[in-house]
Amino acid sequence: MQGTVARIQIQTGKVEQFLARVRELNAEQDPGLVNEYFYQMDEDPNVMYMAVAFESREAYRANSERPETHARAMEVSEFAVGQPEWHDGTVVIAHEKRN
């Protein structure tokens, strides 16, 4: 699996709008997406971390090159202070809860 972790500083008072827009934009799953998580930091609720994993490096790169992906990123970046910090990498351990 391949993915990214991003740190996003949200404008004060815009967190709920940001999250609502992300939910709307992510209604359709991207091809090859395995999972996506948004974390809101306890020490600063205006800071979000996004963690995303795709089936493969090829699926991740193909998604990052889609015009739809770029358009969504531009739309939600309107809620951010500055640019997100992106950290791409290979998932080396994925632990899933089993019943």
C-alpha atoms as a PDB file:
ATOM      1  CA  MET A   1       0.000   0.000   0.000  1.00  0.00           C
ATOM      2  CA  GLN A   2       1.035   3.561  -0.653  1.00  0.00           C
ATOM      3  CA  GLY A   3      -0.349   6.782   0.749  1.00  0.00           C
ATOM      4  CA  THR A   4       0.181  10.098   2.397  1.00  0.00           C
ATOM      5  CA  VAL A   5      -0.109  11.837   5.721  1.00  0.00           C
ATOM      6  CA  ALA A   6      -0.902  15.534   5.620  1.00  0.00           C
ATOM      7  CA  ARG A   7      -0.953  18.199   8.322  1.00  0.00           C
ATOM      8  CA  ILE A   8      -3.566  20.867   7.632  1.00  0.00           C
ATOM      9  CA  GLN A   9      -3.974  24.058   9.671  1.00  0.00           C
ATOM     10  CA  ILE A  10      -7.628  25.123   9.426  1.00  0.00           C
ATOM     11  CA  GLN A  11      -8.710  28.750   9.756  1.00  0.00           C
ATOM     12  CA  THR A  12     -10.175  29.604  13.152  1.00  0.00           C
ATOM     13  CA  GLY A  13     -13.939  29.092  13.115  1.00  0.00           C
ATOM     14  CA  LYS A  14     -13.890  27.057   9.867  1.00  0.00           C
ATOM     15  CA  VAL A  15     -13.373  23.493  11.169  1.00  0.00           C
ATOM     16  CA  GLU A  16     -17.003  22.402  10.898  1.00  0.00           C
ATOM     17  CA  GLN A  17     -17.324  23.874   7.399  1.00  0.00           C
ATOM     18  CA  PHE A  18     -14.100  22.136   6.377  1.00  0.00           C
ATOM     19  CA  LEU A  19     -15.279  18.757   7.685  1.00  0.00           C
ATOM     20  CA  ALA A  20     -18.711  19.111   6.100  1.00  0.00           C
ATOM     21  CA  ARG A  21     -17.163  19.918   2.728  1.00  0.00           C
ATOM     22  CA  VAL A  22     -14.701  17.024   2.957  1.00  0.00           C
ATOM     23  CA  ARG A  23     -17.619  14.652   3.686  1.00  0.00           C
ATOM     24  CA  GLU A  24     -19.515  15.956   0.645  1.00  0.00           C
ATOM     25  CA  LEU A  25     -16.518  15.728  -1.650  1.00  0.00           C
ATOM     26  CA  ASN A  26     -15.608  12.224  -0.469  1.00  0.00           C
ATOM     27  CA  ALA A  27     -19.074  10.758  -1.029  1.00  0.00           C
ATOM     28  CA  GLU A  28     -17.646   8.795  -3.963  1.00  0.00           C
ATOM     29  CA  GLN A  29     -14.627   6.637  -3.212  1.00  0.00           C
ATOM     30  CA  ASP A  30     -11.488   7.172  -5.239  1.00  0.00           C
ATOM     31  CA  PRO A  31     -10.312   4.199  -7.329  1.00  0.00           C
ATOM     32  CA  GLY A  32      -7.886   2.068  -5.324  1.00  0.00           C
ATOM     33  CA  LEU A  33      -8.572   3.797  -1.998  1.00  0.00           C
ATOM     34  CA  VAL A  34      -8.165   1.471   0.995  1.00  0.00           C
ATOM     35  CA  ASN A  35      -8.839   3.934   3.821  1.00  0.00           C
ATOM     36  CA  GLU A  36      -8.842   7.576   4.777  1.00  0.00           C
ATOM     37  CA  TYR A  37      -8.782   9.119   8.241  1.00  0.00           C
ATOM     38  CA  PHE A  38      -8.944  12.684   9.499  1.00  0.00           C
ATOM     39  CA  TYR A  39      -7.630  13.383  12.989  1.00  0.00           C
ATOM     40  CA  GLN A  40      -8.429  16.553  14.898  1.00  0.00           C
ATOM     41  CA  MET A  41      -5.659  17.374  17.341  1.00  0.00           C
ATOM     42  CA  ASP A  42      -6.567  17.628  21.028  1.00  0.00           C
ATOM     43  CA  GLU A  43      -4.030  20.387  21.739  1.00  0.00           C
ATOM     44  CA  ASP A  44      -5.192  22.506  18.768  1.00  0.00           C
ATOM     45  CA  PRO A  45      -8.606  21.674  17.248  1.00  0.00           C
ATOM     46  CA  ASN A  46      -7.731  23.793  14.199  1.00  0.00           C
ATOM     47  CA  VAL A  47      -5.019  21.296  13.217  1.00  0.00           C
ATOM     48  CA  MET A  48      -6.038  18.226  11.220  1.00  0.00           C
ATOM     49  CA  TYR A  49      -3.988  15.275  10.095  1.00  0.00           C
ATOM     50  CA  MET A  50      -5.206  13.258   7.141  1.00  0.00           C
ATOM     51  CA  ALA A  51      -3.931   9.721   6.563  1.00  0.00           C
ATOM     52  CA  VAL A  52      -4.783   8.003   3.267  1.00  0.00           C
ATOM     53  CA  ALA A  53      -3.791   4.600   1.896  1.00  0.00           C
ATOM     54  CA  PHE A  54      -4.226   3.177  -1.597  1.00  0.00           C
ATOM     55  CA  GLU A  55      -3.878  -0.401  -2.850  1.00  0.00           C
ATOM     56  CA  SER A  56      -0.575   0.312  -4.577  1.00  0.00           C
ATOM     57  CA  ARG A  57       1.879   3.031  -5.506  1.00  0.00           C
ATOM     58  CA  GLU A  58       0.422   3.001  -9.008  1.00  0.00           C
ATOM     59  CA  ALA A  59      -3.136   3.532  -7.694  1.00  0.00           C
ATOM     60  CA  TYR A  60      -1.934   6.341  -5.416  1.00  0.00           C
ATOM     61  CA  ARG A  61      -0.092   8.128  -8.209  1.00  0.00           C
ATOM     62  CA  ALA A  62      -2.955   7.652 -10.668  1.00  0.00           C
ATOM     63  CA  ASN A  63      -5.349   9.187  -8.142  1.00  0.00           C
ATOM     64  CA  SER A  64      -3.035  12.126  -7.458  1.00  0.00           C
ATOM     65  CA  GLU A  65      -2.982  12.890 -11.198  1.00  0.00           C
ATOM     66  CA  ARG A  66      -6.784  12.902 -11.593  1.00  0.00           C
ATOM     67  CA  PRO A  67      -8.283  16.348 -12.298  1.00  0.00           C
ATOM     68  CA  GLU A  68     -11.044  15.550  -9.778  1.00  0.00           C
ATOM     69  CA  THR A  69      -8.476  15.017  -7.032  1.00  0.00           C
ATOM     70  CA  HIS A  70      -6.789  18.325  -7.777  1.00  0.00           C
ATOM     71  CA  ALA A  71     -10.143  20.160  -7.865  1.00  0.00           C
ATOM     72  CA  ARG A  72     -11.145  18.721  -4.461  1.00  0.00           C
ATOM     73  CA  ALA A  73      -7.800  19.658  -2.944  1.00  0.00           C
ATOM     74  CA  MET A  74      -8.157  23.231  -4.217  1.00  0.00           C
ATOM     75  CA  GLU A  75     -11.682  23.501  -2.837  1.00  0.00           C
ATOM     76  CA  VAL A  76     -10.846  22.362   0.695  1.00  0.00           C
ATOM     77  CA  SER A  77      -7.605  24.358   0.733  1.00  0.00           C
ATOM     78  CA  GLU A  78      -9.793  27.478   0.934  1.00  0.00           C
ATOM     79  CA  PHE A  79     -10.355  26.552   4.602  1.00  0.00           C
ATOM     80  CA  ALA A  80      -6.631  26.164   5.324  1.00  0.00           C
ATOM     81  CA  VAL A  81      -4.011  28.559   6.589  1.00  0.00           C
ATOM     82  CA  GLY A  82      -1.179  28.149   4.105  1.00  0.00           C
ATOM     83  CA  GLN A  83      -0.463  24.903   2.309  1.00  0.00           C
ATOM     84  CA  PRO A  84      -0.806  21.427   3.847  1.00  0.00           C
ATOM     85  CA  GLU A  85       2.386  19.538   4.715  1.00  0.00           C
ATOM     86  CA  TRP A  86       2.390  16.336   2.633  1.00  0.00           C
ATOM     87  CA  HIS A  87       4.382  13.237   3.568  1.00  0.00           C
ATOM     88  CA  ASP A  88       4.097  10.379   1.054  1.00  0.00           C
ATOM     89  CA  GLY A  89       5.189   6.876   1.907  1.00  0.00           C
ATOM     90  CA  THR A  90       4.709   3.132   1.795  1.00  0.00           C
ATOM     91  CA  VAL A  91       2.473   1.480   4.384  1.00  0.00           C
ATOM     92  CA  VAL A  92       4.708  -1.104   6.057  1.00  0.00           C
ATOM     93  CA  ILE A  93       2.301  -2.260   8.802  1.00  0.00           C
ATOM     94  CA  ALA A  94      -1.482  -2.232   8.614  1.00  0.00           C
ATOM     95  CA  HIS A  95      -3.194  -3.751  11.607  1.00  0.00           C
ATOM     96  CA  GLU A  96      -6.916  -4.366  11.296  1.00  0.00           C
ATOM     97  CA  LYS A  97      -9.205  -5.318  14.128  1.00  0.00           C
ATOM     98  CA  ARG A  98     -10.600  -8.788  13.631  1.00  0.00           C
ATOM     99  CA  ASN A  99     -13.722 -10.112  15.328  1.00  0.00           C
END
